[in-house]
Amino acid sequence: MTDKGHADKWEFYQDHNVKHHKWRWRRTAPNGRIVGASTQGYVDRDECIENAVRNGYVKDAG
């Protein structure tokens, strides 16, 4: 899943760990550079999104 907040692109995805497919986020600037990423995996997608909010992600009200 990809969401756009301001000019940066935010991705929420599950990692490819064999035992655990944990949720992670990544923030990419318009120039294509990764400017932020979760430092850990989250069991629940909502926990991952809340961590992204603490790091600048703005949830879409729609």
PDB file of N, CA and C in Angstrom:
ATOM      1  N   MET A   1       0.851  -1.188   0.000  1.00  0.00           N
ATOM      2  CA  MET A   1       0.000   0.000   0.000  1.00  0.00           C
ATOM      3  C   MET A   1       0.882   1.231   0.000  1.00  0.00           C
ATOM      4  N   THR A   2       0.514   2.204  -0.783  1.00  0.00           N
ATOM      5  CA  THR A   2       1.267   3.447  -0.875  1.00  0.00           C
ATOM      6  C   THR A   2       0.320   4.612  -0.639  1.00  0.00           C
ATOM      7  N   ASP A   3       0.740   5.543   0.229  1.00  0.00           N
ATOM      8  CA  ASP A   3      -0.038   6.744   0.505  1.00  0.00           C
ATOM      9  C   ASP A   3       0.850   7.942   0.274  1.00  0.00           C
ATOM     10  N   LYS A   4       0.257   9.033  -0.219  1.00  0.00           N
ATOM     11  CA  LYS A   4       1.028  10.260  -0.405  1.00  0.00           C
ATOM     12  C   LYS A   4       0.627  11.262   0.655  1.00  0.00           C
ATOM     13  N   GLY A   5       1.612  11.770   1.374  1.00  0.00           N
ATOM     14  CA  GLY A   5       1.389  12.798   2.368  1.00  0.00           C
ATOM     15  C   GLY A   5       2.320  13.937   2.024  1.00  0.00           C
ATOM     16  N   HIS A   6       1.791  15.083   1.753  1.00  0.00           N
ATOM     17  CA  HIS A   6       2.573  16.233   1.287  1.00  0.00           C
ATOM     18  C   HIS A   6       3.261  15.837  -0.007  1.00  0.00           C
ATOM     19  N   ALA A   7       4.552  16.062  -0.136  1.00  0.00           N
ATOM     20  CA  ALA A   7       5.255  15.714  -1.365  1.00  0.00           C
ATOM     21  C   ALA A   7       5.936  14.350  -1.264  1.00  0.00           C
ATOM     22  N   ASP A   8       6.088  13.835  -0.054  1.00  0.00           N
ATOM     23  CA  ASP A   8       6.757  12.551   0.139  1.00  0.00           C
ATOM     24  C   ASP A   8       5.791  11.394  -0.090  1.00  0.00           C
ATOM     25  N   LYS A   9       6.337  10.256  -0.464  1.00  0.00           N
ATOM     26  CA  LYS A   9       5.547   9.048  -0.651  1.00  0.00           C
ATOM     27  C   LYS A   9       5.767   8.152   0.574  1.00  0.00           C
ATOM     28  N   TRP A  10       4.701   7.653   1.146  1.00  0.00           N
ATOM     29  CA  TRP A  10       4.757   6.754   2.302  1.00  0.00           C
ATOM     30  C   TRP A  10       4.307   5.369   1.865  1.00  0.00           C
ATOM     31  N   GLU A  11       5.087   4.356   2.197  1.00  0.00           N
ATOM     32  CA  GLU A  11       4.732   2.974   1.892  1.00  0.00           C
ATOM     33  C   GLU A  11       4.534   2.213   3.190  1.00  0.00           C
ATOM     34  N   PHE A  12       3.503   1.397   3.248  1.00  0.00           N
ATOM     35  CA  PHE A  12       3.267   0.490   4.363  1.00  0.00           C
ATOM     36  C   PHE A  12       3.257  -0.911   3.768  1.00  0.00           C
ATOM     37  N   TYR A  13       4.133  -1.771   4.266  1.00  0.00           N
ATOM     38  CA  TYR A  13       4.295  -3.085   3.655  1.00  0.00           C
ATOM     39  C   TYR A  13       4.661  -4.125   4.708  1.00  0.00           C
ATOM     40  N   GLN A  14       4.513  -5.383   4.350  1.00  0.00           N
ATOM     41  CA  GLN A  14       4.943  -6.465   5.228  1.00  0.00           C
ATOM     42  C   GLN A  14       6.300  -6.949   4.748  1.00  0.00           C
ATOM     43  N   ASP A  15       7.223  -7.153   5.710  1.00  0.00           N
ATOM     44  CA  ASP A  15       8.561  -7.610   5.335  1.00  0.00           C
ATOM     45  C   ASP A  15       8.519  -9.078   4.903  1.00  0.00           C
ATOM     46  N   HIS A  16       9.640  -9.579   4.436  1.00  0.00           N
ATOM     47  CA  HIS A  16       9.695 -10.927   3.883  1.00  0.00           C
ATOM     48  C   HIS A  16      10.400 -11.914   4.807  1.00  0.00           C
ATOM     49  N   ASN A  17      10.373 -11.645   6.111  1.00  0.00           N
ATOM     50  CA  ASN A  17      10.953 -12.569   7.069  1.00  0.00           C
ATOM     51  C   ASN A  17      10.204 -13.902   6.970  1.00  0.00           C
ATOM     52  N   VAL A  18      10.929 -15.002   6.990  1.00  0.00           N
ATOM     53  CA  VAL A  18      10.318 -16.314   6.814  1.00  0.00           C
ATOM     54  C   VAL A  18       9.308 -16.632   7.919  1.00  0.00           C
ATOM     55  N   LYS A  19       9.630 -16.316   9.163  1.00  0.00           N
ATOM     56  CA  LYS A  19       8.752 -16.650  10.287  1.00  0.00           C
ATOM     57  C   LYS A  19       7.672 -15.600  10.544  1.00  0.00           C
ATOM     58  N   HIS A  20       8.015 -14.338  10.382  1.00  0.00           N
ATOM     59  CA  HIS A  20       7.100 -13.263  10.750  1.00  0.00           C
ATOM     60  C   HIS A  20       7.006 -12.252   9.611  1.00  0.00           C
ATOM     61  N   HIS A  21       5.823 -11.983   9.173  1.00  0.00           N
ATOM     62  CA  HIS A  21       5.617 -10.951   8.147  1.00  0.00           C
ATOM     63  C   HIS A  21       5.128  -9.704   8.861  1.00  0.00           C
ATOM     64  N   LYS A  22       6.072  -8.952   9.422  1.00  0.00           N
ATOM     65  CA  LYS A  22       5.714  -7.774  10.204  1.00  0.00           C
ATOM     66  C   LYS A  22       5.564  -6.551   9.318  1.00  0.00           C
ATOM     67  N   TRP A  23       4.744  -5.615   9.782  1.00  0.00           N
ATOM     68  CA  TRP A  23       4.471  -4.375   9.058  1.00  0.00           C
ATOM     69  C   TRP A  23       5.596  -3.376   9.276  1.00  0.00           C
ATOM     70  N   ARG A  24       5.971  -2.686   8.225  1.00  0.00           N
ATOM     71  CA  ARG A  24       6.997  -1.643   8.259  1.00  0.00           C
ATOM     72  C   ARG A  24       6.529  -0.479   7.389  1.00  0.00           C
ATOM     73  N   TRP A  25       7.174   0.666   7.575  1.00  0.00           N
ATOM     74  CA  TRP A  25       6.883   1.823   6.727  1.00  0.00           C
ATOM     75  C   TRP A  25       8.178   2.387   6.179  1.00  0.00           C
ATOM     76  N   ARG A  26       8.041   3.095   5.057  1.00  0.00           N
ATOM     77  CA  ARG A  26       9.187   3.751   4.426  1.00  0.00           C
ATOM     78  C   ARG A  26       8.693   5.068   3.840  1.00  0.00           C
ATOM     79  N   ARG A  27       9.486   6.132   4.009  1.00  0.00           N
ATOM     80  CA  ARG A  27       9.155   7.462   3.486  1.00  0.00           C
ATOM     81  C   ARG A  27      10.185   7.823   2.414  1.00  0.00           C
ATOM     82  N   THR A  28       9.680   8.164   1.220  1.00  0.00           N
ATOM     83  CA  THR A  28      10.566   8.480   0.104  1.00  0.00           C
ATOM     84  C   THR A  28      10.307   9.910  -0.359  1.00  0.00           C
ATOM     85  N   ALA A  29      11.380  10.672  -0.521  1.00  0.00           N
ATOM     86  CA  ALA A  29      11.294  12.059  -0.987  1.00  0.00           C
ATOM     87  C   ALA A  29      11.006  12.076  -2.487  1.00  0.00           C
ATOM     88  N   PRO A  30      10.549  13.223  -3.009  1.00  0.00           N
ATOM     89  CA  PRO A  30      10.255  13.328  -4.446  1.00  0.00           C
ATOM     90  C   PRO A  30      11.452  12.986  -5.343  1.00  0.00           C
ATOM     91  N   ASN A  31      12.666  13.160  -4.835  1.00  0.00           N
ATOM     92  CA  ASN A  31      13.847  12.834  -5.643  1.00  0.00           C
ATOM     93  C   ASN A  31      14.186  11.348  -5.618  1.00  0.00           C
ATOM     94  N   GLY A  32      13.357  10.540  -4.932  1.00  0.00           N
ATOM     95  CA  GLY A  32      13.556   9.098  -4.892  1.00  0.00           C
ATOM     96  C   GLY A  32      14.380   8.580  -3.734  1.00  0.00           C
ATOM     97  N   ARG A  33      14.909   9.461  -2.934  1.00  0.00           N
ATOM     98  CA  ARG A  33      15.722   9.034  -1.798  1.00  0.00           C
ATOM     99  C   ARG A  33      14.849   8.664  -0.605  1.00  0.00           C
ATOM    100  N   ILE A  34      15.218   7.585   0.064  1.00  0.00           N
ATOM    101  CA  ILE A  34      14.511   7.186   1.281  1.00  0.00           C
ATOM    102  C   ILE A  34      14.970   8.115   2.393  1.00  0.00           C
ATOM    103  N   VAL A  35      14.020   8.818   2.995  1.00  0.00           N
ATOM    104  CA  VAL A  35      14.349   9.792   4.030  1.00  0.00           C
ATOM    105  C   VAL A  35      13.863   9.351   5.407  1.00  0.00           C
ATOM    106  N   GLY A  36      13.225   8.204   5.480  1.00  0.00           N
ATOM    107  CA  GLY A  36      12.785   7.672   6.764  1.00  0.00           C
ATOM    108  C   GLY A  36      12.276   6.256   6.594  1.00  0.00           C
ATOM    109  N   ALA A  37      12.408   5.467   7.664  1.00  0.00           N
ATOM    110  CA  ALA A  37      11.918   4.088   7.637  1.00  0.00           C
ATOM    111  C   ALA A  37      11.748   3.605   9.068  1.00  0.00           C
ATOM    112  N   SER A  38      10.850   2.653   9.242  1.00  0.00           N
ATOM    113  CA  SER A  38      10.668   2.087  10.583  1.00  0.00           C
ATOM    114  C   SER A  38      11.923   1.312  10.957  1.00  0.00           C
ATOM    115  N   THR A  39      12.271   1.375  12.216  1.00  0.00           N
ATOM    116  CA  THR A  39      13.457   0.663  12.690  1.00  0.00           C
ATOM    117  C   THR A  39      13.115  -0.706  13.231  1.00  0.00           C
ATOM    118  N   GLN A  40      11.825  -1.012  13.281  1.00  0.00           N
ATOM    119  CA  GLN A  40      11.391  -2.325  13.742  1.00  0.00           C
ATOM    120  C   GLN A  40      10.126  -2.711  12.997  1.00  0.00           C
ATOM    121  N   GLY A  41       9.769  -3.973  13.071  1.00  0.00           N
ATOM    122  CA  GLY A  41       8.539  -4.452  12.468  1.00  0.00           C
ATOM    123  C   GLY A  41       7.418  -4.464  13.489  1.00  0.00           C
ATOM    124  N   TYR A  42       6.192  -4.342  13.012  1.00  0.00           N
ATOM    125  CA  TYR A  42       5.011  -4.314  13.874  1.00  0.00           C
ATOM    126  C   TYR A  42       4.069  -5.442  13.488  1.00  0.00           C
ATOM    127  N   VAL A  43       3.514  -6.121  14.482  1.00  0.00           N
ATOM    128  CA  VAL A  43       2.576  -7.208  14.236  1.00  0.00           C
ATOM    129  C   VAL A  43       1.297  -6.665  13.612  1.00  0.00           C
ATOM    130  N   ASP A  44       0.811  -5.536  14.119  1.00  0.00           N
ATOM    131  CA  ASP A  44      -0.426  -4.939  13.634  1.00  0.00           C
ATOM    132  C   ASP A  44      -0.131  -3.744  12.731  1.00  0.00           C
ATOM    133  N   ARG A  45      -0.867  -3.665  11.629  1.00  0.00           N
ATOM    134  CA  ARG A  45      -0.704  -2.556  10.688  1.00  0.00           C
ATOM    135  C   ARG A  45      -0.988  -1.218  11.369  1.00  0.00           C
ATOM    136  N   ASP A  46      -2.013  -1.181  12.232  1.00  0.00           N
ATOM    137  CA  ASP A  46      -2.361   0.070  12.915  1.00  0.00           C
ATOM    138  C   ASP A  46      -1.223   0.584  13.790  1.00  0.00           C
ATOM    139  N   GLU A  47      -0.483  -0.331  14.439  1.00  0.00           N
ATOM    140  CA  GLU A  47       0.677   0.085  15.244  1.00  0.00           C
ATOM    141  C   GLU A  47       1.756   0.689  14.351  1.00  0.00           C
ATOM    142  N   CYS A  48       1.933   0.106  13.188  1.00  0.00           N
ATOM    143  CA  CYS A  48       2.908   0.620  12.230  1.00  0.00           C
ATOM    144  C   CYS A  48       2.527   2.027  11.790  1.00  0.00           C
ATOM    145  N   ILE A  49       1.251   2.230  11.484  1.00  0.00           N
ATOM    146  CA  ILE A  49       0.791   3.554  11.056  1.00  0.00           C
ATOM    147  C   ILE A  49       0.951   4.565  12.179  1.00  0.00           C
ATOM    148  N   GLU A  50       0.657   4.176  13.406  1.00  0.00           N
ATOM    149  CA  GLU A  50       0.826   5.104  14.535  1.00  0.00           C
ATOM    150  C   GLU A  50       2.292   5.510  14.701  1.00  0.00           C
ATOM    151  N   ASN A  51       3.213   4.587  14.465  1.00  0.00           N
ATOM    152  CA  ASN A  51       4.630   4.934  14.518  1.00  0.00           C
ATOM    153  C   ASN A  51       4.982   5.910  13.402  1.00  0.00           C
ATOM    154  N   ALA A  52       4.420   5.690  12.224  1.00  0.00           N
ATOM    155  CA  ALA A  52       4.668   6.608  11.105  1.00  0.00           C
ATOM    156  C   ALA A  52       4.122   7.999  11.420  1.00  0.00           C
ATOM    157  N   VAL A  53       2.964   8.071  12.082  1.00  0.00           N
ATOM    158  CA  VAL A  53       2.387   9.364  12.478  1.00  0.00           C
ATOM    159  C   VAL A  53       3.357  10.101  13.393  1.00  0.00           C
ATOM    160  N   ARG A  54       3.969   9.386  14.317  1.00  0.00           N
ATOM    161  CA  ARG A  54       4.949  10.016  15.221  1.00  0.00           C
ATOM    162  C   ARG A  54       6.178  10.509  14.470  1.00  0.00           C
ATOM    163  N   ASN A  55       6.353  10.018  13.237  1.00  0.00           N
ATOM    164  CA  ASN A  55       7.496  10.417  12.414  1.00  0.00           C
ATOM    165  C   ASN A  55       7.110  11.296  11.231  1.00  0.00           C
ATOM    166  N   GLY A  56       5.886  11.856  11.261  1.00  0.00           N
ATOM    167  CA  GLY A  56       5.511  12.853  10.263  1.00  0.00           C
ATOM    168  C   GLY A  56       4.418  12.468   9.308  1.00  0.00           C
ATOM    169  N   TYR A  57       3.949  11.222   9.324  1.00  0.00           N
ATOM    170  CA  TYR A  57       2.882  10.807   8.417  1.00  0.00           C
ATOM    171  C   TYR A  57       1.574  11.469   8.832  1.00  0.00           C
ATOM    172  N   VAL A  58       0.831  11.940   7.844  1.00  0.00           N
ATOM    173  CA  VAL A  58      -0.471  12.570   8.102  1.00  0.00           C
ATOM    174  C   VAL A  58      -1.545  11.658   7.505  1.00  0.00           C
ATOM    175  N   LYS A  59      -2.400  11.127   8.370  1.00  0.00           N
ATOM    176  CA  LYS A  59      -3.466  10.244   7.894  1.00  0.00           C
ATOM    177  C   LYS A  59      -4.452  11.031   7.045  1.00  0.00           C
ATOM    178  N   ASP A  60      -4.928  10.384   5.992  1.00  0.00           N
ATOM    179  CA  ASP A  60      -5.926  10.984   5.116  1.00  0.00           C
ATOM    180  C   ASP A  60      -7.285  10.852   5.783  1.00  0.00           C
ATOM    181  N   ALA A  61      -7.997  11.957   5.928  1.00  0.00           N
ATOM    182  CA  ALA A  61      -9.309  11.948   6.584  1.00  0.00           C
ATOM    183  C   ALA A  61     -10.359  11.288   5.725  1.00  0.00           C
ATOM    184  N   GLY A  62     -10.107  11.143   4.426  1.00  0.00           N
ATOM    185  CA  GLY A  62     -11.096  10.577   3.522  1.00  0.00           C
ATOM    186  C   GLY A  62     -11.013   9.136   3.539  1.00  0.00           C
TER     187      GLY A  62
END
